[in-house]
């Protein structure tokens, strides 16, 4: 992590880079970039993309189909419904 990224993370701990978000939700950075194009909320700090964790969780929860699905199940179902596989 670069010095600038470390400073940003200390100032804004509620925000994740795409690398961090990828680990958080077990999806590839390519998928996350597609989701951004599909309307996933994000912020741009200079050239760096950051996603607010609470915004991401709310956005992903829109794709919950029924029952008590885990976040991983919701993400997999959304990718399958969108015709994308990981």
C-alpha atoms as a PDB file:
ATOM      1  CA  UNK A   1       0.000   0.000   0.000  1.00  0.00           C
ATOM      2  CA  UNK A   2       1.464   3.363  -0.950  1.00  0.00           C
ATOM      3  CA  UNK A   3       1.950   6.131   1.606  1.00  0.00           C
ATOM      4  CA  UNK A   4      -0.943   8.139   0.125  1.00  0.00           C
ATOM      5  CA  UNK A   5      -3.286   5.141   0.326  1.00  0.00           C
ATOM      6  CA  UNK A   6      -2.273   4.499   3.940  1.00  0.00           C
ATOM      7  CA  UNK A   7      -3.085   8.118   4.816  1.00  0.00           C
ATOM      8  CA  UNK A   8      -6.446   7.953   3.026  1.00  0.00           C
ATOM      9  CA  UNK A   9      -7.343   4.739   4.852  1.00  0.00           C
ATOM     10  CA  UNK A  10      -6.538   6.290   8.225  1.00  0.00           C
ATOM     11  CA  UNK A  11      -8.640   9.359   7.392  1.00  0.00           C
ATOM     12  CA  UNK A  12     -11.500   7.432   5.781  1.00  0.00           C
ATOM     13  CA  UNK A  13     -11.597   3.934   7.324  1.00  0.00           C
ATOM     14  CA  UNK A  14     -15.157   3.417   6.032  1.00  0.00           C
ATOM     15  CA  UNK A  15     -13.854   3.424   2.450  1.00  0.00           C
ATOM     16  CA  UNK A  16     -12.134   0.535   0.644  1.00  0.00           C
ATOM     17  CA  UNK A  17      -9.976   0.346  -2.441  1.00  0.00           C
ATOM     18  CA  UNK A  18     -11.033  -2.113  -5.124  1.00  0.00           C
ATOM     19  CA  UNK A  19      -8.345  -4.508  -3.857  1.00  0.00           C
ATOM     20  CA  UNK A  20      -9.738  -4.332  -0.325  1.00  0.00           C
ATOM     21  CA  UNK A  21     -13.327  -4.595  -1.527  1.00  0.00           C
ATOM     22  CA  UNK A  22     -12.391  -7.583  -3.666  1.00  0.00           C
ATOM     23  CA  UNK A  23     -11.111  -9.394  -0.564  1.00  0.00           C
ATOM     24  CA  UNK A  24     -14.145  -8.244   1.463  1.00  0.00           C
ATOM     25  CA  UNK A  25     -16.738  -9.648  -0.946  1.00  0.00           C
ATOM     26  CA  UNK A  26     -14.675 -12.420  -2.597  1.00  0.00           C
ATOM     27  CA  UNK A  27     -15.217 -11.026  -6.093  1.00  0.00           C
ATOM     28  CA  UNK A  28     -12.598 -10.037  -8.665  1.00  0.00           C
ATOM     29  CA  UNK A  29     -11.586  -6.454  -9.331  1.00  0.00           C
ATOM     30  CA  UNK A  30     -12.851  -6.903 -12.893  1.00  0.00           C
ATOM     31  CA  UNK A  31     -16.310  -7.774 -11.549  1.00  0.00           C
ATOM     32  CA  UNK A  32     -16.228  -4.766  -9.236  1.00  0.00           C
ATOM     33  CA  UNK A  33     -15.329  -2.506 -12.160  1.00  0.00           C
ATOM     34  CA  UNK A  34     -18.292  -3.937 -14.125  1.00  0.00           C
ATOM     35  CA  UNK A  35     -20.545  -3.314 -11.143  1.00  0.00           C
ATOM     36  CA  UNK A  36     -19.361   0.304 -11.046  1.00  0.00           C
ATOM     37  CA  UNK A  37     -20.407   0.613 -14.687  1.00  0.00           C
ATOM     38  CA  UNK A  38     -23.742  -0.983 -13.723  1.00  0.00           C
ATOM     39  CA  UNK A  39     -24.358   1.662 -11.068  1.00  0.00           C
ATOM     40  CA  UNK A  40     -22.560   0.559  -7.920  1.00  0.00           C
ATOM     41  CA  UNK A  41     -21.843   3.710  -5.891  1.00  0.00           C
ATOM     42  CA  UNK A  42     -18.207   4.780  -5.607  1.00  0.00           C
ATOM     43  CA  UNK A  43     -16.016   7.796  -5.021  1.00  0.00           C
ATOM     44  CA  UNK A  44     -12.970   8.956  -6.912  1.00  0.00           C
ATOM     45  CA  UNK A  45     -10.178  10.568  -4.923  1.00  0.00           C
ATOM     46  CA  UNK A  46      -7.816  11.755  -7.633  1.00  0.00           C
ATOM     47  CA  UNK A  47      -7.029   8.613  -9.623  1.00  0.00           C
ATOM     48  CA  UNK A  48      -8.001   6.316  -6.761  1.00  0.00           C
ATOM     49  CA  UNK A  49     -11.425   4.649  -6.616  1.00  0.00           C
ATOM     50  CA  UNK A  50     -12.922   4.114  -3.167  1.00  0.00           C
ATOM     51  CA  UNK A  51     -16.173   2.423  -2.187  1.00  0.00           C
ATOM     52  CA  UNK A  52     -17.936   3.231   1.047  1.00  0.00           C
ATOM     53  CA  UNK A  53     -18.580  -0.088   2.781  1.00  0.00           C
ATOM     54  CA  UNK A  54     -22.083   0.865   3.944  1.00  0.00           C
ATOM     55  CA  UNK A  55     -23.006   1.991   0.397  1.00  0.00           C
ATOM     56  CA  UNK A  56     -21.696  -1.278  -1.037  1.00  0.00           C
ATOM     57  CA  UNK A  57     -23.580  -3.395   1.497  1.00  0.00           C
ATOM     58  CA  UNK A  58     -26.811  -1.487   0.808  1.00  0.00           C
ATOM     59  CA  UNK A  59     -26.330  -1.736  -2.964  1.00  0.00           C
ATOM     60  CA  UNK A  60     -25.632  -5.486  -2.841  1.00  0.00           C
ATOM     61  CA  UNK A  61     -28.592  -6.117  -0.542  1.00  0.00           C
ATOM     62  CA  UNK A  62     -30.908  -4.926  -3.335  1.00  0.00           C
ATOM     63  CA  UNK A  63     -30.138  -8.190  -5.128  1.00  0.00           C
ATOM     64  CA  UNK A  64     -31.228 -10.414  -2.250  1.00  0.00           C
ATOM     65  CA  UNK A  65     -33.852 -12.764  -3.562  1.00  0.00           C
ATOM     66  CA  UNK A  66     -35.342 -14.409  -0.489  1.00  0.00           C
ATOM     67  CA  UNK A  67     -34.601 -16.154   2.756  1.00  0.00           C
ATOM     68  CA  UNK A  68     -31.516 -15.621   4.846  1.00  0.00           C
ATOM     69  CA  UNK A  69     -28.903 -15.726   2.121  1.00  0.00           C
ATOM     70  CA  UNK A  70     -25.331 -14.855   3.001  1.00  0.00           C
ATOM     71  CA  UNK A  71     -23.547 -11.998   1.292  1.00  0.00           C
ATOM     72  CA  UNK A  72     -21.560 -14.548  -0.738  1.00  0.00           C
ATOM     73  CA  UNK A  73     -24.770 -16.226  -1.929  1.00  0.00           C
ATOM     74  CA  UNK A  74     -26.264 -12.876  -2.912  1.00  0.00           C
ATOM     75  CA  UNK A  75     -23.136 -11.889  -4.842  1.00  0.00           C
ATOM     76  CA  UNK A  76     -23.020 -15.238  -6.636  1.00  0.00           C
ATOM     77  CA  UNK A  77     -26.735 -15.019  -7.505  1.00  0.00           C
ATOM     78  CA  UNK A  78     -26.324 -11.501  -8.858  1.00  0.00           C
ATOM     79  CA  UNK A  79     -23.376 -12.505 -11.013  1.00  0.00           C
ATOM     80  CA  UNK A  80     -25.293 -15.531 -12.326  1.00  0.00           C
ATOM     81  CA  UNK A  81     -28.385 -13.415 -13.068  1.00  0.00           C
ATOM     82  CA  UNK A  82     -26.226 -10.917 -14.920  1.00  0.00           C
ATOM     83  CA  UNK A  83     -24.793 -13.748 -17.028  1.00  0.00           C
ATOM     84  CA  UNK A  84     -21.345 -13.435 -15.507  1.00  0.00           C
ATOM     85  CA  UNK A  85     -19.298 -16.085 -13.805  1.00  0.00           C
ATOM     86  CA  UNK A  86     -16.334 -15.782 -11.499  1.00  0.00           C
END
